């Protein structure tokens, strides 16, 4: 499984002395595993391939000239 990513953000922190700007570190977890991400990319590639293969038939279905 992929390691979580640590992101740093600047945030305003309120205290008795006033407003301070601090760096806050946030750990984000990935929604998909590496194998699930690969399957999604394969699916998108397959849909794109089918679209490219259907494009010539779609173009030839139009009457020429316009």
Protein backbone atom coordinates (compact mmCIF):
# COMPACT_ATOMS: atom_id res chain seq x y z
CA UNK A 1 0.00 0.00 0.00
CA UNK A 2 1.20 3.49 -0.75
CA UNK A 3 2.64 5.56 2.03
CA UNK A 4 0.59 8.55 3.22
CA UNK A 5 1.73 11.94 2.02
CA UNK A 6 2.60 14.65 4.53
CA UNK A 7 1.64 18.17 3.45
CA UNK A 8 2.68 21.37 5.19
CA UNK A 9 0.30 24.32 5.35
CA UNK A 10 0.48 27.76 6.88
CA UNK A 11 -2.41 28.50 9.24
CA UNK A 12 -3.43 31.28 11.59
CA UNK A 13 -3.44 30.24 15.23
CA UNK A 14 -5.24 32.39 17.77
CA UNK A 15 -3.74 32.82 21.23
CA UNK A 16 -3.84 35.30 24.09
CA UNK A 17 -0.99 37.30 22.54
CA UNK A 18 -2.83 37.66 19.22
CA UNK A 19 -2.78 35.89 15.90
CA UNK A 20 0.26 33.77 15.02
CA UNK A 21 1.12 32.08 11.73
CA UNK A 22 2.22 28.50 12.26
CA UNK A 23 3.10 25.59 9.96
CA UNK A 24 0.70 22.66 10.34
CA UNK A 25 1.62 19.22 9.00
CA UNK A 26 -1.28 17.16 7.63
CA UNK A 27 -1.05 13.48 6.77
CA UNK A 28 -3.26 12.47 3.85
CA UNK A 29 -4.18 8.87 3.07
CA UNK A 30 -4.67 7.73 -0.51
CA UNK A 31 -8.18 6.63 -1.47
CA UNK A 32 -7.10 3.92 -3.93
CA UNK A 33 -4.37 1.33 -3.59
CA UNK A 34 -1.75 1.03 -6.32
CA UNK A 35 -3.48 -1.98 -7.93
CA UNK A 36 -6.87 -0.23 -7.87
CA UNK A 37 -5.32 2.89 -9.41
CA UNK A 38 -3.81 0.74 -12.18
CA UNK A 39 -7.20 -0.87 -12.91
CA UNK A 40 -8.89 2.54 -13.12
CA UNK A 41 -6.23 3.79 -15.54
CA UNK A 42 -6.63 0.64 -17.67
CA UNK A 43 -10.39 1.16 -17.77
CA UNK A 44 -10.00 4.81 -18.82
CA UNK A 45 -7.48 3.77 -21.48
CA UNK A 46 -9.86 1.09 -22.79
CA UNK A 47 -12.72 3.59 -23.07
CA UNK A 48 -10.41 6.02 -24.86
CA UNK A 49 -9.28 3.28 -27.27
CA UNK A 50 -12.89 2.37 -28.09
CA UNK A 51 -13.67 6.04 -28.68
CA UNK A 52 -10.74 6.40 -31.10
CA UNK A 53 -11.77 3.22 -32.93
CA UNK A 54 -15.38 4.44 -33.31
CA UNK A 55 -14.35 7.90 -34.53
CA UNK A 56 -13.83 7.02 -38.25
CA UNK A 57 -17.26 5.37 -38.48
CA UNK A 58 -18.85 8.36 -36.78
CA UNK A 59 -17.13 10.76 -39.21
CA UNK A 60 -18.14 8.70 -42.26
CA UNK A 61 -21.78 8.64 -41.18
CA UNK A 62 -22.10 12.36 -41.98
CA UNK A 63 -23.23 13.32 -45.51
CA UNK A 64 -20.53 14.98 -47.58
CA UNK A 65 -20.13 17.82 -48.42
CA UNK A 66 -21.63 19.80 -45.55
